[in-house]
Amino acid sequence: MIKNNKTALIISSVLILLPSLFGIVLWNDLPDTMVSHWGPDGTPDGYMGKAMAVFLVPLILLALQWLCVLVTSKDTKNKNQNKKVMGMVLWIIPAISIVTNGIMYAIALGAQLSVQLVIVPVLSLTFALVGNYMPKCKQNNTIGIKTAHTLADEETWNVTHRLAGKLWFFGGLLSLSFVFLPTMLCLFAVVLCAITLGAVPAVYAYFYYQKKVKAGLAEPKPRLFASNGSRAAAVGGIVFTLLILLLCVFLIFTGDVSVSYSDDSFTVSTSYWGKSEISYSEIDEIEYREDFDYGTRLFGFGTPKLSAGSFKCDELGGYTCYAYTSCSAAVIIKVDDRFIVINGESSEQTIAIYNEISERLGE
């Protein structure tokens, strides 16, 4: 795939990085922090620094592009894959890069843009485009509706993808109408549509294969890989997915905020993020707050357990946070012209942090 699509791969990679070029040109006009995520109601709830938005996002998408291309090219069953299907693999991520970065830049420059009015039509047209190419997709281990039944039997693969093609095409056209729904209802409809587009072909493949089993035309237990398939590519994809899932689970359920004290300073750190050493002589104010509004994260690390990094709230403006997400209590420390917010897993632990620092300050 790489050898036969060198020019297209180079052009697609350049397009992915094109937003970075625009970011450099617009650098002085862009704010220091840019909206990078929107909540279910369409309001901004995540931010990142200008440099991260301009350079990191396109680089991540470029890495994803090359990963998809490499995995797809390692699948020997894609050697004679339909050229239009392979082209779809090359051009989807460049389109995502231009659209997502374009939205970030437009809003950062003051455009009154409804994310719903952009994302829903783009997603809907993507569904329709993918649906148009699905019937052309030949059996392989990396692209398409890959279940045990479609991978075990070429006929099951073909009929399933003919059905999926129609379903995705008309589902995409139908989902265009979701843009006129209220925001939360629109989100629900899009998610339900995506689940349906994935689940219905998989269920259809199961019943079609079982019909062949009853007719004696297929093995009762489907093989995941045909003898001439690329077992390594498929297994590699599964292993990679499992590793990502395990990493996500590990990050979500582990980690701590720790505070250690010395005679002259204390050090606060958060797992997977970083630490700060604060001298007692630098502290101007310290306050315990039972119910603190943490605001939004501009840049940093966040899981259902931990919140760390640069935050912003109405009361403090920008500040540095080392906190457990589940605890609303906080120790607010003012150091020169900046604030640091710390907490423990509970109000009791947070009070203990406050008392310890206050005692060492002589308060």
Protein backbone atom coordinates (compact mmCIF):
# COMPACT_ATOMS: atom_id res chain seq x y z
CA MET A 1 0.00 0.00 0.00
CA ILE A 2 2.76 2.44 0.95
CA LYS A 3 4.79 1.73 -2.17
CA ASN A 4 1.81 2.21 -4.50
CA ASN A 5 0.50 5.32 -2.74
CA LYS A 6 3.63 7.30 -1.91
CA THR A 7 2.41 10.52 -3.51
CA ALA A 8 -1.03 10.31 -1.90
CA LEU A 9 0.51 9.49 1.47
CA ILE A 10 2.85 12.50 1.27
CA ILE A 11 0.03 14.84 0.22
CA SER A 12 -2.32 13.54 2.92
CA SER A 13 0.40 13.95 5.57
CA VAL A 14 1.01 17.54 4.44
CA LEU A 15 -2.73 18.27 4.65
CA ILE A 16 -2.82 16.91 8.20
CA LEU A 17 -0.03 19.31 9.19
CA LEU A 18 -1.46 22.22 7.17
CA PRO A 19 -3.35 23.65 10.19
CA SER A 20 0.01 24.07 11.96
CA LEU A 21 1.17 26.32 9.12
CA PHE A 22 -1.99 28.42 9.44
CA GLY A 23 -1.42 28.50 13.19
CA ILE A 24 2.07 29.90 12.68
CA VAL A 25 0.75 32.56 10.29
CA LEU A 26 -2.03 33.49 12.73
CA TRP A 27 0.12 33.09 15.83
CA ASN A 28 -0.06 36.69 17.06
CA ASP A 29 -3.84 36.79 16.58
CA LEU A 30 -4.54 33.56 18.47
CA PRO A 31 -5.20 33.70 22.24
CA ASP A 32 -2.78 31.99 24.64
CA THR A 33 -5.45 29.38 25.47
CA MET A 34 -7.83 27.88 22.93
CA VAL A 35 -11.04 25.90 23.28
CA SER A 36 -10.32 22.24 22.54
CA HIS A 37 -13.44 20.46 23.78
CA TRP A 38 -17.15 21.12 24.02
CA GLY A 39 -19.61 19.54 26.45
CA PRO A 40 -22.84 17.75 25.53
CA ASP A 41 -24.71 21.06 25.68
CA GLY A 42 -22.31 22.64 23.18
CA THR A 43 -20.55 24.91 25.67
CA PRO A 44 -16.72 24.91 25.90
CA ASP A 45 -15.45 22.76 28.78
CA GLY A 46 -11.84 22.10 27.82
CA TYR A 47 -8.92 24.28 26.83
CA MET A 48 -5.28 23.88 25.84
CA GLY A 49 -2.34 26.17 25.34
CA LYS A 50 -1.80 27.79 21.95
CA ALA A 51 1.34 25.80 21.19
CA MET A 52 -0.40 22.52 22.04
CA ALA A 53 -3.38 23.35 19.82
CA VAL A 54 -1.27 24.50 16.88
CA PHE A 55 1.37 21.77 16.90
CA LEU A 56 0.41 18.80 19.08
CA VAL A 57 -3.08 18.06 17.70
CA PRO A 58 -1.93 17.79 14.05
CA LEU A 59 1.09 15.70 15.11
CA ILE A 60 -1.14 13.26 16.98
CA LEU A 61 -3.39 12.96 13.94
CA LEU A 62 -0.33 12.44 11.71
CA ALA A 63 0.87 9.61 13.98
CA LEU A 64 -2.62 8.07 13.84
CA GLN A 65 -2.60 8.35 10.03
CA TRP A 66 0.69 6.48 9.72
CA LEU A 67 -0.39 3.86 12.24
CA CYS A 68 -3.55 3.16 10.21
CA VAL A 69 -1.57 3.00 6.98
CA LEU A 70 1.08 0.69 8.43
CA VAL A 71 -1.45 -1.71 9.97
CA THR A 72 -3.49 -1.75 6.76
CA SER A 73 -0.43 -2.32 4.58
CA LYS A 74 0.71 -5.25 6.74
CA ASP A 75 -2.56 -7.06 6.01
CA THR A 76 -1.73 -9.27 3.02
CA LYS A 77 -5.43 -9.52 2.15
CA ASN A 78 -5.36 -5.83 1.26
CA LYS A 79 -2.86 -6.45 -1.52
CA ASN A 80 -5.65 -6.43 -4.11
CA GLN A 81 -8.03 -4.23 -2.15
CA ASN A 82 -10.29 -1.81 -4.04
CA LYS A 83 -8.36 1.41 -4.71
CA LYS A 84 -11.25 3.62 -3.62
CA VAL A 85 -11.42 1.82 -0.28
CA MET A 86 -7.68 2.28 0.24
CA GLY A 87 -8.06 5.93 -0.73
CA MET A 88 -10.67 6.34 1.99
CA VAL A 89 -8.10 5.15 4.54
CA LEU A 90 -5.68 7.82 3.30
CA TRP A 91 -8.04 10.80 3.20
CA ILE A 92 -10.35 10.53 6.24
CA ILE A 93 -7.81 11.70 8.84
CA PRO A 94 -6.64 14.72 6.74
CA ALA A 95 -10.29 15.78 6.53
CA ILE A 96 -10.65 15.39 10.31
CA SER A 97 -7.52 17.47 10.87
CA ILE A 98 -8.71 20.34 8.69
CA VAL A 99 -12.24 20.37 10.13
CA THR A 100 -11.35 20.06 13.83
CA ASN A 101 -8.46 22.50 13.72
CA GLY A 102 -10.49 24.84 11.56
CA ILE A 103 -13.20 24.93 14.22
CA MET A 104 -10.64 25.65 16.97
CA TYR A 105 -9.04 28.47 14.99
CA ALA A 106 -12.35 30.03 13.98
CA ILE A 107 -13.65 30.14 17.56
CA ALA A 108 -10.27 31.33 18.88
CA LEU A 109 -10.43 34.24 16.43
CA GLY A 110 -13.88 35.24 17.66
CA ALA A 111 -16.23 33.53 15.20
CA GLN A 112 -19.69 32.81 16.58
CA LEU A 113 -19.75 29.22 15.40
CA SER A 114 -22.11 26.45 16.42
CA VAL A 115 -20.08 23.25 16.72
CA GLN A 116 -23.27 21.25 16.24
CA LEU A 117 -23.91 22.90 12.87
CA VAL A 118 -20.46 21.82 11.67
CA ILE A 119 -19.76 18.46 13.32
CA VAL A 120 -23.14 16.81 12.66
CA PRO A 121 -23.16 17.46 8.88
CA VAL A 122 -19.50 16.41 8.59
CA LEU A 123 -20.16 13.22 10.57
CA SER A 124 -23.31 12.50 8.56
CA LEU A 125 -21.54 12.91 5.23
CA THR A 126 -18.74 10.67 6.51
CA PHE A 127 -21.28 7.95 7.29
CA ALA A 128 -22.74 8.30 3.81
CA LEU A 129 -19.30 8.28 2.16
CA VAL A 130 -18.19 5.18 4.04
CA GLY A 131 -21.48 3.51 3.18
CA ASN A 132 -20.93 4.21 -0.50
CA TYR A 133 -17.61 2.35 -0.43
CA MET A 134 -18.53 -0.54 1.87
CA PRO A 135 -19.92 -2.85 -0.85
CA LYS A 136 -16.63 -2.41 -2.73
CA CYS A 137 -14.55 -3.50 0.27
CA LYS A 138 -12.99 -6.94 -0.21
CA GLN A 139 -12.60 -9.33 2.70
CA ASN A 140 -9.64 -8.39 4.90
CA ASN A 141 -8.58 -8.21 8.53
CA THR A 142 -8.31 -4.44 9.04
CA ILE A 143 -11.04 -2.52 7.15
CA GLY A 144 -14.81 -2.96 7.31
CA ILE A 145 -17.23 -4.98 9.45
CA LYS A 146 -14.81 -7.45 11.03
CA THR A 147 -16.56 -10.13 13.07
CA ALA A 148 -15.77 -13.83 13.46
CA HIS A 149 -18.50 -14.60 10.91
CA THR A 150 -17.51 -12.11 8.20
CA LEU A 151 -13.82 -13.05 8.52
CA ALA A 152 -14.60 -16.78 8.34
CA ASP A 153 -16.76 -16.71 5.20
CA GLU A 154 -16.32 -14.49 2.16
CA GLU A 155 -19.97 -14.70 1.15
CA THR A 156 -21.06 -13.59 4.64
CA TRP A 157 -18.58 -10.72 4.33
CA ASN A 158 -19.98 -9.63 0.98
CA VAL A 159 -23.69 -9.72 1.87
CA THR A 160 -23.02 -8.02 5.21
CA HIS A 161 -21.13 -5.18 3.53
CA ARG A 162 -23.83 -4.73 0.91
CA LEU A 163 -26.35 -4.32 3.71
CA ALA A 164 -23.99 -2.11 5.74
CA GLY A 165 -23.37 0.07 2.68
CA LYS A 166 -27.06 0.86 2.29
CA LEU A 167 -27.53 1.28 6.04
CA TRP A 168 -24.59 3.66 6.44
CA PHE A 169 -25.44 5.67 3.33
CA PHE A 170 -29.08 6.28 4.21
CA GLY A 171 -28.28 6.52 7.92
CA GLY A 172 -25.83 9.29 7.09
CA LEU A 173 -28.43 11.16 5.07
CA LEU A 174 -30.99 10.72 7.86
CA SER A 175 -28.58 11.98 10.52
CA LEU A 176 -28.25 15.27 8.61
CA SER A 177 -31.69 16.13 9.97
CA PHE A 178 -30.40 15.79 13.55
CA VAL A 179 -28.74 19.19 13.22
CA PHE A 180 -32.13 20.83 13.73
CA LEU A 181 -32.75 19.05 17.06
CA PRO A 182 -32.03 20.58 20.48
CA THR A 183 -28.40 20.04 21.45
CA MET A 184 -28.82 17.22 23.97
CA LEU A 185 -31.37 15.41 21.81
CA CYS A 186 -29.06 15.81 18.82
CA LEU A 187 -26.20 14.18 20.75
CA PHE A 188 -28.42 11.28 21.80
CA ALA A 189 -29.65 10.78 18.22
CA VAL A 190 -26.11 10.80 16.77
CA VAL A 191 -24.84 8.29 19.35
CA LEU A 192 -27.87 6.03 18.81
CA CYS A 193 -27.37 6.23 15.04
CA ALA A 194 -23.67 5.30 15.34
CA ILE A 195 -24.47 2.31 17.58
CA THR A 196 -27.15 1.14 15.14
CA LEU A 197 -24.83 1.41 12.14
CA GLY A 198 -22.28 -0.79 13.90
CA ALA A 199 -24.59 -3.29 15.60
CA VAL A 200 -27.10 -4.12 12.85
CA PRO A 201 -24.53 -5.42 10.30
CA ALA A 202 -22.80 -7.49 13.01
CA VAL A 203 -26.09 -9.11 14.05
CA TYR A 204 -27.04 -9.69 10.41
CA ALA A 205 -23.69 -11.40 9.79
CA TYR A 206 -24.30 -13.74 12.71
CA PHE A 207 -27.72 -14.88 11.49
CA TYR A 208 -26.59 -15.17 7.88
CA TYR A 209 -23.66 -17.35 8.89
CA GLN A 210 -25.87 -19.52 11.11
CA LYS A 211 -28.18 -20.02 8.13
CA LYS A 212 -25.22 -21.31 6.14
CA VAL A 213 -24.25 -23.61 9.03
CA LYS A 214 -27.72 -25.19 9.01
CA ALA A 215 -27.40 -25.72 5.26
CA GLY A 216 -24.04 -27.41 5.77
CA LEU A 217 -22.21 -24.66 3.88
CA ALA A 218 -20.15 -23.30 6.77
CA GLU A 219 -18.29 -24.55 9.82
CA PRO A 220 -20.28 -24.48 13.09
CA LYS A 221 -17.45 -22.58 14.76
CA PRO A 222 -16.20 -19.76 12.54
CA ARG A 223 -12.48 -19.25 12.23
CA LEU A 224 -11.29 -15.74 12.90
CA PHE A 225 -8.77 -15.85 10.07
CA ALA A 226 -8.87 -17.37 6.64
CA SER A 227 -5.81 -19.43 5.79
CA ASN A 228 -4.52 -16.75 3.44
CA GLY A 229 -5.32 -13.86 5.73
CA SER A 230 -2.85 -11.72 7.55
CA ARG A 231 -3.05 -13.18 11.02
CA ALA A 232 -0.21 -10.95 12.23
CA ALA A 233 -1.97 -7.73 11.17
CA ALA A 234 -5.25 -8.69 12.82
CA VAL A 235 -3.64 -9.98 16.00
CA GLY A 236 -1.45 -6.89 16.12
CA GLY A 237 -4.53 -4.67 15.86
CA ILE A 238 -6.28 -6.59 18.64
CA VAL A 239 -3.22 -6.48 20.90
CA PHE A 240 -2.77 -2.76 20.25
CA THR A 241 -6.43 -2.09 21.10
CA LEU A 242 -6.22 -4.15 24.28
CA LEU A 243 -3.06 -2.34 25.36
CA ILE A 244 -4.74 1.04 24.84
CA LEU A 245 -7.79 -0.13 26.83
CA LEU A 246 -5.60 -1.45 29.65
CA LEU A 247 -3.65 1.80 29.73
CA CYS A 248 -6.90 3.80 29.90
CA VAL A 249 -8.26 1.62 32.70
CA PHE A 250 -4.94 1.90 34.56
CA LEU A 251 -4.90 5.69 34.29
CA ILE A 252 -8.56 6.01 35.27
CA PHE A 253 -8.42 3.97 38.46
CA THR A 254 -4.90 4.63 39.77
CA GLY A 255 -2.84 7.57 40.92
CA ASP A 256 -2.62 9.79 43.99
CA VAL A 257 -1.99 13.32 45.15
CA SER A 258 0.81 13.36 47.70
CA VAL A 259 2.15 16.13 49.92
CA SER A 260 5.50 15.81 51.68
CA TYR A 261 6.87 18.32 54.18
CA SER A 262 10.35 19.53 55.10
CA ASP A 263 11.52 22.26 57.46
CA ASP A 264 11.63 24.97 54.77
CA SER A 265 9.15 23.84 52.13
CA PHE A 266 6.59 21.28 51.09
CA THR A 267 6.28 19.33 47.84
CA VAL A 268 2.98 18.41 46.19
CA SER A 269 2.82 15.93 43.34
CA THR A 270 0.24 14.10 41.26
CA SER A 271 0.79 10.72 39.66
CA TYR A 272 1.43 10.87 35.88
CA TRP A 273 1.67 14.64 35.87
CA GLY A 274 4.30 16.48 37.90
CA LYS A 275 5.17 18.18 41.16
CA SER A 276 5.87 21.57 42.70
CA GLU A 277 8.07 22.53 45.63
CA ILE A 278 6.79 25.55 47.55
CA SER A 279 8.82 27.38 50.15
CA TYR A 280 6.88 28.42 53.26
CA SER A 281 8.47 31.89 53.01
CA GLU A 282 6.86 32.38 49.57
CA ILE A 283 3.31 31.78 50.80
CA ASP A 284 1.25 34.97 51.11
CA GLU A 285 -2.12 33.44 51.99
CA ILE A 286 -3.60 30.03 52.76
CA GLU A 287 -7.29 29.20 53.01
CA TYR A 288 -9.42 26.09 53.46
CA ARG A 289 -12.60 25.94 51.36
CA GLU A 290 -15.24 23.26 51.92
CA ASP A 291 -16.93 23.68 48.54
CA PHE A 292 -14.62 25.11 45.88
CA ASP A 293 -15.56 25.68 42.23
CA TYR A 294 -12.60 24.23 40.31
CA GLY A 295 -13.67 25.71 36.98
CA THR A 296 -12.17 24.18 33.82
CA ARG A 297 -8.84 22.61 32.92
CA LEU A 298 -6.76 24.57 30.41
CA PHE A 299 -3.95 22.08 30.15
CA GLY A 300 -2.91 19.07 32.13
CA PHE A 301 -4.03 15.62 33.18
CA GLY A 302 -7.54 14.57 34.10
CA THR A 303 -9.27 11.28 34.93
CA PRO A 304 -12.37 10.38 36.94
CA LYS A 305 -9.96 10.18 39.91
CA LEU A 306 -7.41 12.99 39.42
CA SER A 307 -7.33 16.58 38.18
CA ALA A 308 -3.96 18.19 37.65
CA GLY A 309 -2.43 20.98 35.61
CA SER A 310 -3.40 24.52 34.68
CA PHE A 311 -6.99 25.44 35.55
CA LYS A 312 -9.14 28.54 35.33
CA CYS A 313 -12.10 29.63 37.45
CA ASP A 314 -14.00 32.90 37.94
CA GLU A 315 -12.66 33.48 41.46
CA LEU A 316 -8.93 32.84 41.02
CA GLY A 317 -8.46 33.19 37.29
CA GLY A 318 -5.62 30.92 36.22
CA TYR A 319 -4.16 28.57 38.84
CA THR A 320 -2.31 25.27 39.26
CA CYS A 321 -4.27 22.30 40.55
CA TYR A 322 -3.26 19.06 42.29
CA ALA A 323 -6.53 17.44 43.32
CA TYR A 324 -8.80 14.43 43.58
CA THR A 325 -11.79 14.89 41.30
CA SER A 326 -14.30 13.45 43.76
CA CYS A 327 -13.48 15.91 46.57
CA SER A 328 -14.90 19.44 46.42
CA ALA A 329 -12.87 20.68 49.41
CA ALA A 330 -9.66 22.58 48.69
CA VAL A 331 -6.64 24.23 50.20
CA ILE A 332 -6.04 27.48 48.32
CA ILE A 333 -2.49 28.81 48.54
CA LYS A 334 -1.38 32.16 47.18
CA VAL A 335 2.29 32.34 46.23
CA ASP A 336 3.34 35.75 44.89
CA ASP A 337 0.81 36.43 42.10
CA ARG A 338 -0.23 32.82 41.48
CA PHE A 339 -2.49 30.32 43.17
CA ILE A 340 -2.04 26.63 43.90
CA VAL A 341 -5.01 24.46 44.84
CA ILE A 342 -4.57 21.12 46.64
CA ASN A 343 -6.92 18.62 48.23
CA GLY A 344 -7.05 15.12 49.67
CA GLU A 345 -9.40 12.26 48.88
CA SER A 346 -11.84 13.55 51.51
CA SER A 347 -12.62 16.75 53.40
CA GLU A 348 -10.86 15.32 56.47
CA GLN A 349 -7.64 14.70 54.54
CA THR A 350 -7.86 18.15 52.97
CA ILE A 351 -8.25 19.76 56.40
CA ALA A 352 -5.21 17.80 57.57
CA ILE A 353 -3.15 19.27 54.69
CA TYR A 354 -4.36 22.76 55.58
CA ASN A 355 -3.56 22.32 59.29
CA GLU A 356 -0.09 20.92 58.60
CA ILE A 357 0.93 23.78 56.29
CA SER A 358 -0.65 26.39 58.57
CA GLU A 359 1.22 24.99 61.56
CA ARG A 360 4.53 25.17 59.74
CA LEU A 361 3.72 28.76 58.80
CA GLY A 362 3.13 29.51 62.47
CA GLU A 363 -0.53 30.41 62.01
